[in-house]
C-alpha atoms as a PDB file:
ATOM      1  CA  MET A   1      10.298  30.909 -38.663  1.00  0.00           C
ATOM      2  CA  SER A   2       6.918  31.656 -40.163  1.00  0.00           C
ATOM      3  CA  ILE A   3       3.683  31.783 -38.166  1.00  0.00           C
ATOM      4  CA  LYS A   4       2.431  28.755 -40.095  1.00  0.00           C
ATOM      5  CA  MET A   5       5.501  26.693 -39.121  1.00  0.00           C
ATOM      6  CA  MET A   6       5.216  27.840 -35.495  1.00  0.00           C
ATOM      7  CA  LYS A   7       1.566  26.709 -35.382  1.00  0.00           C
ATOM      8  CA  LYS A   8       2.545  23.286 -36.742  1.00  0.00           C
ATOM      9  CA  ALA A   9       5.335  22.999 -34.180  1.00  0.00           C
ATOM     10  CA  MET A  10       2.972  23.972 -31.339  1.00  0.00           C
ATOM     11  CA  ILE A  11       0.309  21.496 -32.478  1.00  0.00           C
ATOM     12  CA  GLY A  12       2.958  18.784 -32.822  1.00  0.00           C
ATOM     13  CA  ALA A  13       4.298  19.519 -29.331  1.00  0.00           C
ATOM     14  CA  ALA A  14       0.789  19.473 -27.847  1.00  0.00           C
ATOM     15  CA  GLY A  15       0.123  16.132 -29.554  1.00  0.00           C
ATOM     16  CA  ALA A  16       3.356  14.690 -28.180  1.00  0.00           C
ATOM     17  CA  VAL A  17       2.488  15.838 -24.643  1.00  0.00           C
ATOM     18  CA  ALA A  18      -1.001  14.309 -24.936  1.00  0.00           C
ATOM     19  CA  LEU A  19       0.460  11.046 -26.203  1.00  0.00           C
ATOM     20  CA  MET A  20       3.017  10.925 -23.371  1.00  0.00           C
ATOM     21  CA  GLY A  21       0.221  11.549 -20.857  1.00  0.00           C
ATOM     22  CA  ALA A  22      -1.788   8.672 -22.295  1.00  0.00           C
ATOM     23  CA  VAL A  23       1.226   6.362 -22.128  1.00  0.00           C
ATOM     24  CA  ASN A  24       1.951   7.342 -18.509  1.00  0.00           C
ATOM     25  CA  ALA A  25      -1.693   6.888 -17.512  1.00  0.00           C
ATOM     26  CA  HIS A  26      -1.428   3.204 -18.446  1.00  0.00           C
ATOM     27  CA  ALA A  27       2.057   2.642 -17.062  1.00  0.00           C
ATOM     28  CA  ILE A  28       0.972   0.008 -14.530  1.00  0.00           C
ATOM     29  CA  ASP A  29       0.166  -3.655 -15.025  1.00  0.00           C
ATOM     30  CA  VAL A  30      -1.722  -5.384 -12.196  1.00  0.00           C
ATOM     31  CA  GLN A  31      -1.921  -9.177 -12.418  1.00  0.00           C
ATOM     32  CA  TYR A  32      -4.652 -10.049 -11.219  1.00  0.00           C
ATOM     33  CA  PRO A  33      -7.005  -7.360  -9.849  1.00  0.00           C
ATOM     34  CA  GLY A  34      -9.322  -8.550  -7.096  1.00  0.00           C
ATOM     35  CA  THR A  35      -9.683  -9.013  -3.345  1.00  0.00           C
ATOM     36  CA  TYR A  36      -6.610 -10.120  -1.408  1.00  0.00           C
ATOM     37  CA  THR A  37      -5.574 -10.863   2.154  1.00  0.00           C
ATOM     38  CA  PHE A  38      -2.053 -10.201   3.390  1.00  0.00           C
ATOM     39  CA  GLU A  39      -0.898 -11.629   6.731  1.00  0.00           C
ATOM     40  CA  GLY A  40       2.232 -11.723   8.819  1.00  0.00           C
ATOM     41  CA  GLN A  41       3.910 -11.116  12.130  1.00  0.00           C
ATOM     42  CA  THR A  42       4.478  -7.452  12.913  1.00  0.00           C
ATOM     43  CA  THR A  43       5.763  -5.402  15.803  1.00  0.00           C
ATOM     44  CA  LEU A  44       3.776  -2.340  16.806  1.00  0.00           C
ATOM     45  CA  SER A  45       5.500   0.318  18.900  1.00  0.00           C
ATOM     46  CA  ALA A  46       3.559   3.157  20.448  1.00  0.00           C
ATOM     47  CA  SER A  47       4.454   5.331  23.373  1.00  0.00           C
ATOM     48  CA  PHE A  48       4.917   2.888  26.269  1.00  0.00           C
ATOM     49  CA  VAL A  49       3.554  -0.144  24.358  1.00  0.00           C
ATOM     50  CA  THR A  50       5.419  -2.620  22.163  1.00  0.00           C
ATOM     51  CA  ALA A  51       3.767  -5.799  20.928  1.00  0.00           C
ATOM     52  CA  THR A  52       4.570  -8.487  18.377  1.00  0.00           C
ATOM     53  CA  CYS A  53       1.307  -9.728  16.865  1.00  0.00           C
ATOM     54  CA  ASN A  54      -0.161 -11.328  13.778  1.00  0.00           C
ATOM     55  CA  LEU A  55      -1.655  -8.738  11.444  1.00  0.00           C
ATOM     56  CA  SER A  56      -4.157  -9.566   8.703  1.00  0.00           C
ATOM     57  CA  LEU A  57      -5.359  -6.979   6.174  1.00  0.00           C
ATOM     58  CA  THR A  58      -7.938  -7.610   3.440  1.00  0.00           C
ATOM     59  CA  GLY A  59      -8.769  -5.284   0.594  1.00  0.00           C
ATOM     60  CA  ASP A  60      -9.339  -4.708  -3.077  1.00  0.00           C
ATOM     61  CA  VAL A  61      -6.826  -3.912  -5.803  1.00  0.00           C
ATOM     62  CA  ASP A  62      -8.049  -2.630  -9.170  1.00  0.00           C
ATOM     63  CA  SER A  63      -6.321  -2.744 -12.559  1.00  0.00           C
ATOM     64  CA  SER A  64      -4.881   0.765 -12.032  1.00  0.00           C
ATOM     65  CA  GLY A  65      -3.150  -0.205  -8.771  1.00  0.00           C
ATOM     66  CA  ASN A  66      -5.658   1.532  -6.494  1.00  0.00           C
ATOM     67  CA  VAL A  67      -5.879  -0.231  -3.155  1.00  0.00           C
ATOM     68  CA  SER A  68      -8.694  -0.107  -0.611  1.00  0.00           C
ATOM     69  CA  VAL A  69      -8.033  -1.999   2.639  1.00  0.00           C
ATOM     70  CA  THR A  70     -11.529  -2.770   3.884  1.00  0.00           C
ATOM     71  CA  THR A  71     -10.913  -4.841   7.004  1.00  0.00           C
ATOM     72  CA  GLY A  72      -8.181  -6.108   9.273  1.00  0.00           C
ATOM     73  CA  SER A  73      -7.488  -7.968  12.475  1.00  0.00           C
ATOM     74  CA  VAL A  74      -4.776  -8.384  15.072  1.00  0.00           C
ATOM     75  CA  SER A  75      -4.120 -11.569  17.063  1.00  0.00           C
ATOM     76  CA  GLY A  76      -1.341 -13.156  19.069  1.00  0.00           C
ATOM     77  CA  ALA A  77      -0.172 -14.510  22.387  1.00  0.00           C
ATOM     78  CA  SER A  78       0.645 -11.116  23.882  1.00  0.00           C
ATOM     79  CA  ALA A  79      -2.142  -9.597  25.984  1.00  0.00           C
ATOM     80  CA  VAL A  80      -1.571  -6.344  24.103  1.00  0.00           C
ATOM     81  CA  CYS A  81      -2.520  -8.002  20.765  1.00  0.00           C
ATOM     82  CA  GLY A  82      -6.071  -8.576  21.984  1.00  0.00           C
ATOM     83  CA  ASN A  83      -6.314  -4.898  22.893  1.00  0.00           C
ATOM     84  CA  ILE A  84      -5.367  -3.486  19.489  1.00  0.00           C
ATOM     85  CA  GLU A  85      -8.238  -2.326  17.280  1.00  0.00           C
ATOM     86  CA  LEU A  86      -7.838  -1.365  13.632  1.00  0.00           C
ATOM     87  CA  GLN A  87     -10.204   1.423  12.607  1.00  0.00           C
ATOM     88  CA  GLY A  88     -10.941   4.046   9.977  1.00  0.00           C
ATOM     89  CA  PHE A  89     -11.506   1.681   7.058  1.00  0.00           C
ATOM     90  CA  PRO A  90     -11.130   1.903   4.191  1.00  0.00           C
ATOM     91  CA  TRP A  91      -7.434   2.695   4.152  1.00  0.00           C
ATOM     92  CA  THR A  92      -6.655   3.780   0.614  1.00  0.00           C
ATOM     93  CA  GLY A  93      -3.676   4.256  -1.657  1.00  0.00           C
ATOM     94  CA  THR A  94      -2.248   3.688  -5.104  1.00  0.00           C
ATOM     95  CA  ALA A  95       0.666   1.362  -5.767  1.00  0.00           C
ATOM     96  CA  ASP A  96       3.738   3.078  -7.189  1.00  0.00           C
ATOM     97  CA  PRO A  97       5.539   0.499  -9.328  1.00  0.00           C
ATOM     98  CA  SER A  98       8.361   2.922 -10.156  1.00  0.00           C
ATOM     99  CA  ASN A  99       9.761   2.387  -6.656  1.00  0.00           C
ATOM    100  CA  TYR A 100       7.595  -0.574  -5.534  1.00  0.00           C
ATOM    101  CA  THR A 101       5.809   1.206  -2.716  1.00  0.00           C
ATOM    102  CA  LEU A 102       2.245   1.506  -1.507  1.00  0.00           C
ATOM    103  CA  PRO A 103       1.315   4.645   0.413  1.00  0.00           C
ATOM    104  CA  LEU A 104      -1.756   3.952   2.586  1.00  0.00           C
ATOM    105  CA  ASN A 105      -3.869   6.851   3.814  1.00  0.00           C
ATOM    106  CA  GLY A 106      -6.210   6.965   6.776  1.00  0.00           C
ATOM    107  CA  VAL A 107      -4.588   4.294   8.978  1.00  0.00           C
ATOM    108  CA  GLU A 108      -6.097   4.301  12.485  1.00  0.00           C
ATOM    109  CA  VAL A 109      -5.197   2.091  15.461  1.00  0.00           C
ATOM    110  CA  GLU A 110      -6.498   2.172  19.037  1.00  0.00           C
ATOM    111  CA  ILE A 111      -4.748   0.370  21.863  1.00  0.00           C
ATOM    112  CA  TYR A 112      -6.377  -0.382  25.227  1.00  0.00           C
ATOM    113  CA  GLY A 113      -9.725   1.128  24.224  1.00  0.00           C
ATOM    114  CA  GLY A 114      -8.256   4.425  23.093  1.00  0.00           C
ATOM    115  CA  LEU A 115      -5.643   4.896  25.846  1.00  0.00           C
ATOM    116  CA  VAL A 116      -3.201   5.081  22.924  1.00  0.00           C
ATOM    117  CA  THR A 117      -4.458   6.238  19.533  1.00  0.00           C
ATOM    118  CA  CYS A 118      -2.424   6.395  16.351  1.00  0.00           C
ATOM    119  CA  SER A 119      -3.544   7.750  13.006  1.00  0.00           C
ATOM    120  CA  GLY A 120      -1.928   8.878   9.819  1.00  0.00           C
ATOM    121  CA  ASN A 121      -0.457   7.611   6.598  1.00  0.00           C
ATOM    122  CA  ILE A 122       2.163   4.926   6.073  1.00  0.00           C
ATOM    123  CA  THR A 123       4.243   3.761   3.139  1.00  0.00           C
ATOM    124  CA  ALA A 124       4.864   0.057   2.678  1.00  0.00           C
ATOM    125  CA  GLY A 125       7.369  -1.479   0.323  1.00  0.00           C
ATOM    126  CA  PHE A 126       5.912  -3.975  -2.143  1.00  0.00           C
ATOM    127  CA  SER A 127       7.614  -7.048  -3.580  1.00  0.00           C
ATOM    128  CA  ASN A 128       6.233  -9.332  -6.276  1.00  0.00           C
ATOM    129  CA  GLY A 129       8.076 -12.177  -4.516  1.00  0.00           C
ATOM    130  CA  THR A 130      11.588 -13.161  -3.521  1.00  0.00           C
ATOM    131  CA  PRO A 131      13.681 -14.501  -5.147  1.00  0.00           C
ATOM    132  CA  THR A 132      11.290 -14.599  -8.153  1.00  0.00           C
ATOM    133  CA  ASP A 133       7.885 -13.149  -9.032  1.00  0.00           C
ATOM    134  CA  ALA A 134       6.487 -16.713  -8.814  1.00  0.00           C
ATOM    135  CA  ASP A 135       6.978 -16.560  -5.017  1.00  0.00           C
ATOM    136  CA  PRO A 136       4.227 -14.969  -2.887  1.00  0.00           C
ATOM    137  CA  SER A 137       4.038 -11.177  -3.050  1.00  0.00           C
ATOM    138  CA  PHE A 138       4.426  -9.244   0.189  1.00  0.00           C
ATOM    139  CA  PHE A 139       4.337  -5.817   1.793  1.00  0.00           C
ATOM    140  CA  ALA A 140       7.354  -4.790   3.863  1.00  0.00           C
ATOM    141  CA  LEU A 141       6.603  -2.451   6.745  1.00  0.00           C
ATOM    142  CA  ASN A 142       9.960  -1.108   7.871  1.00  0.00           C
ATOM    143  CA  ASN A 143       9.365   1.070  10.904  1.00  0.00           C
ATOM    144  CA  ALA A 144       6.409   2.659   9.089  1.00  0.00           C
ATOM    145  CA  SER A 145       5.367   5.568  11.305  1.00  0.00           C
ATOM    146  CA  PHE A 146       1.861   6.970  11.725  1.00  0.00           C
ATOM    147  CA  GLY A 147       1.149   9.362  14.554  1.00  0.00           C
ATOM    148  CA  ILE A 148       3.003   8.179  17.655  1.00  0.00           C
ATOM    149  CA  CYS A 149       3.072   4.576  16.388  1.00  0.00           C
ATOM    150  CA  SER A 150       5.308   2.596  14.087  1.00  0.00           C
ATOM    151  CA  VAL A 151       4.987  -0.916  12.683  1.00  0.00           C
ATOM    152  CA  THR A 152       7.607  -3.325  11.355  1.00  0.00           C
ATOM    153  CA  GLY A 153       7.124  -6.670   9.625  1.00  0.00           C
ATOM    154  CA  ASP A 154       6.210  -8.384   6.369  1.00  0.00           C
ATOM    155  CA  LEU A 155       2.658  -9.196   5.251  1.00  0.00           C
ATOM    156  CA  GLU A 156       2.508 -12.033   2.691  1.00  0.00           C
ATOM    157  CA  VAL A 157      -0.360 -12.599   0.264  1.00  0.00           C
ATOM    158  CA  GLN A 158      -2.623 -15.515   1.158  1.00  0.00           C
ATOM    159  CA  GLY A 159      -4.027 -17.711  -1.606  1.00  0.00           C
ATOM    160  CA  THR A 160      -3.854 -16.360  -5.145  1.00  0.00           C
ATOM    161  CA  ASP A 161      -0.782 -14.218  -5.840  1.00  0.00           C
ATOM    162  CA  ILE A 162      -0.851 -10.661  -7.199  1.00  0.00           C
ATOM    163  CA  ASN A 163       1.959  -8.938  -9.073  1.00  0.00           C
ATOM    164  CA  ILE A 164       2.278  -5.280 -10.020  1.00  0.00           C
ATOM    165  CA  TYR A 165       4.612  -4.100 -12.772  1.00  0.00           C
ATOM    166  CA  PRO A 166       5.532  -0.689 -14.163  1.00  0.00           C
END
Protein backbone atom coordinates (compact mmCIF):
# COMPACT_ATOMS: atom_id res chain seq x y z
CA MET A 1 0.00 0.00 0.00
CA SER A 2 1.39 3.38 -0.95
CA ILE A 3 1.93 6.23 1.51
CA LYS A 4 -0.72 8.24 -0.33
CA MET A 5 -3.32 5.47 0.11
CA MET A 6 -2.37 5.04 3.77
CA LYS A 7 -2.88 8.78 4.39
CA LYS A 8 -6.33 8.61 2.77
CA ALA A 9 -7.23 5.58 4.88
CA MET A 10 -6.06 7.32 8.07
CA ILE A 11 -7.98 10.50 7.25
CA GLY A 12 -11.07 8.44 6.42
CA ALA A 13 -10.78 6.52 9.70
CA ALA A 14 -10.34 9.74 11.68
CA GLY A 15 -13.41 11.21 9.97
CA ALA A 16 -15.45 8.11 10.80
CA VAL A 17 -14.39 8.26 14.46
CA ALA A 18 -15.30 11.97 14.64
CA LEU A 19 -18.68 11.29 13.05
CA MET A 20 -19.39 8.42 15.46
CA GLY A 21 -18.47 10.69 18.38
CA ALA A 22 -20.88 13.35 17.16
CA VAL A 23 -23.66 10.79 16.79
CA ASN A 24 -23.04 9.40 20.29
CA ALA A 25 -22.94 12.90 21.80
CA HIS A 26 -26.56 13.41 20.71
CA ALA A 27 -27.77 9.91 21.54
CA ILE A 28 -30.34 11.07 24.10
CA ASP A 29 -33.78 12.56 23.60
CA VAL A 30 -35.34 14.31 26.61
CA GLN A 31 -39.03 15.19 26.29
CA TYR A 32 -39.51 17.84 27.84
CA PRO A 33 -36.55 19.47 29.64
CA GLY A 34 -37.51 21.55 32.67
CA THR A 35 -38.13 21.46 36.41
CA TYR A 36 -39.85 18.38 37.83
CA THR A 37 -40.98 17.00 41.17
CA PHE A 38 -40.99 13.28 41.89
CA GLU A 39 -42.79 11.94 44.97
CA GLY A 40 -43.53 8.61 46.56
CA GLN A 41 -43.41 6.41 49.61
CA THR A 42 -39.95 5.11 50.43
CA THR A 43 -38.32 3.10 53.17
CA LEU A 44 -35.04 4.36 54.57
CA SER A 45 -32.84 1.93 56.48
CA ALA A 46 -29.82 3.11 58.40
CA SER A 47 -28.01 1.45 61.24
CA PHE A 48 -30.67 1.02 63.94
CA VAL A 49 -33.31 3.14 62.15
CA THR A 50 -35.92 2.06 59.61
CA ALA A 51 -38.70 4.39 58.52
CA THR A 52 -41.32 4.43 55.78
CA CYS A 53 -41.91 8.04 54.73
CA ASN A 54 -43.05 10.18 51.83
CA LEU A 55 -40.11 11.52 49.84
CA SER A 56 -40.34 14.48 47.48
CA LEU A 57 -37.44 15.56 45.25
CA THR A 58 -37.46 18.57 42.91
CA GLY A 59 -34.86 19.37 40.30
CA ASP A 60 -33.97 20.34 36.78
CA VAL A 61 -33.44 18.13 33.74
CA ASP A 62 -31.77 19.57 30.64
CA SER A 63 -31.96 18.38 27.03
CA SER A 64 -28.78 16.30 27.47
CA GLY A 65 -30.22 14.32 30.40
CA ASN A 66 -28.23 16.15 33.09
CA VAL A 67 -30.14 16.20 36.35
CA SER A 68 -29.70 18.57 39.29
CA VAL A 69 -31.87 17.80 42.34
CA THR A 70 -32.13 21.16 44.06
CA THR A 71 -34.46 20.49 46.97
CA GLY A 72 -36.30 17.72 48.76
CA SER A 73 -38.44 16.92 51.76
CA VAL A 74 -39.46 13.99 53.91
CA SER A 75 -42.83 13.62 55.66
CA GLY A 76 -44.97 10.91 57.17
CA ALA A 77 -46.70 9.54 60.23
CA SER A 78 -43.59 7.94 61.71
CA ALA A 79 -41.76 10.10 64.25
CA VAL A 80 -38.54 9.25 62.43
CA CYS A 81 -39.81 10.93 59.21
CA GLY A 82 -39.86 14.32 60.92
CA ASN A 83 -36.25 13.79 61.99
CA ILE A 84 -34.81 13.10 58.54
CA GLU A 85 -33.06 16.00 56.82
CA LEU A 86 -31.96 15.96 53.19
CA GLN A 87 -28.76 17.92 52.63
CA GLY A 88 -25.89 18.55 50.24
CA PHE A 89 -27.94 19.93 47.35
CA PRO A 90 -27.61 19.92 44.47
CA TRP A 91 -27.45 16.19 43.91
CA THR A 92 -26.29 15.73 40.34
CA GLY A 93 -26.18 13.07 37.67
CA THR A 94 -26.76 12.25 34.03
CA ALA A 95 -29.50 9.91 32.86
CA ASP A 96 -28.23 6.82 31.06
CA PRO A 97 -30.94 5.81 28.59
CA SER A 98 -28.97 2.75 27.44
CA ASN A 99 -29.94 0.99 30.67
CA TYR A 100 -32.57 3.46 31.99
CA THR A 101 -30.69 4.50 35.11
CA LEU A 102 -29.88 7.75 36.84
CA PRO A 103 -26.75 7.84 38.99
CA LEU A 104 -27.06 10.65 41.57
CA ASN A 105 -23.93 12.04 43.20
CA GLY A 106 -23.61 13.88 46.48
CA VAL A 107 -26.64 12.46 48.32
CA GLU A 108 -26.60 13.44 52.01
CA VAL A 109 -29.11 12.53 54.73
CA GLU A 110 -29.03 13.28 58.46
CA ILE A 111 -31.27 11.49 60.93
CA TYR A 112 -31.94 12.74 64.47
CA GLY A 113 -29.84 15.88 64.03
CA GLY A 114 -26.77 14.04 62.82
CA LEU A 115 -26.91 11.02 65.17
CA VAL A 116 -26.95 9.02 61.92
CA THR A 117 -25.40 10.52 58.80
CA CYS A 118 -25.39 8.95 55.36
CA SER A 119 -23.66 10.28 52.27
CA GLY A 120 -22.62 8.95 48.92
CA ASN A 121 -23.92 8.19 45.47
CA ILE A 122 -26.96 6.17 44.47
CA THR A 123 -28.28 4.76 41.22
CA ALA A 124 -32.00 4.86 40.53
CA GLY A 125 -33.78 3.02 37.78
CA PHE A 126 -35.84 5.21 35.47
CA SER A 127 -39.06 4.29 33.68
CA ASN A 128 -40.91 6.41 31.14
CA GLY A 129 -44.13 4.86 32.50
CA THR A 130 -45.74 1.47 32.93
CA PRO A 131 -47.31 -0.11 30.96
CA THR A 132 -46.82 2.66 28.34
CA ASP A 133 -44.78 5.85 28.03
CA ALA A 134 -48.07 7.80 28.32
CA ASP A 135 -48.23 6.76 32.01
CA PRO A 136 -46.34 8.87 34.58
CA SER A 137 -42.56 8.42 34.59
CA PHE A 138 -40.93 7.25 37.80
CA PHE A 139 -37.64 6.52 39.52
CA ALA A 140 -37.25 3.11 41.16
CA LEU A 141 -35.00 3.03 44.20
CA ASN A 142 -34.31 -0.63 44.87
CA ASN A 143 -32.25 -0.85 48.03
CA ALA A 144 -30.09 2.01 46.74
CA SER A 145 -27.19 2.21 49.19
CA PHE A 146 -25.25 5.32 50.17
CA GLY A 147 -22.95 5.21 53.16
CA ILE A 148 -24.61 3.17 55.91
CA CYS A 149 -28.09 3.91 54.51
CA SER A 150 -30.27 2.39 51.84
CA VAL A 151 -33.59 3.51 50.37
CA THR A 152 -36.31 1.56 48.58
CA GLY A 153 -39.42 2.85 46.82
CA ASP A 154 -40.75 4.50 43.67
CA LEU A 155 -40.89 8.26 43.07
CA GLU A 156 -43.50 9.25 40.46
CA VAL A 157 -43.44 12.49 38.46
CA GLN A 158 -45.98 15.07 39.57
CA GLY A 159 -47.74 17.21 36.97
CA THR A 160 -46.22 17.30 33.50
CA ASP A 161 -44.58 14.03 32.43
CA ILE A 162 -40.99 13.67 31.23
CA ASN A 163 -39.64 10.90 29.02
CA ILE A 164 -36.04 10.09 28.17
CA TYR A 165 -35.10 7.99 25.15
CA PRO A 166 -31.81 6.70 23.76
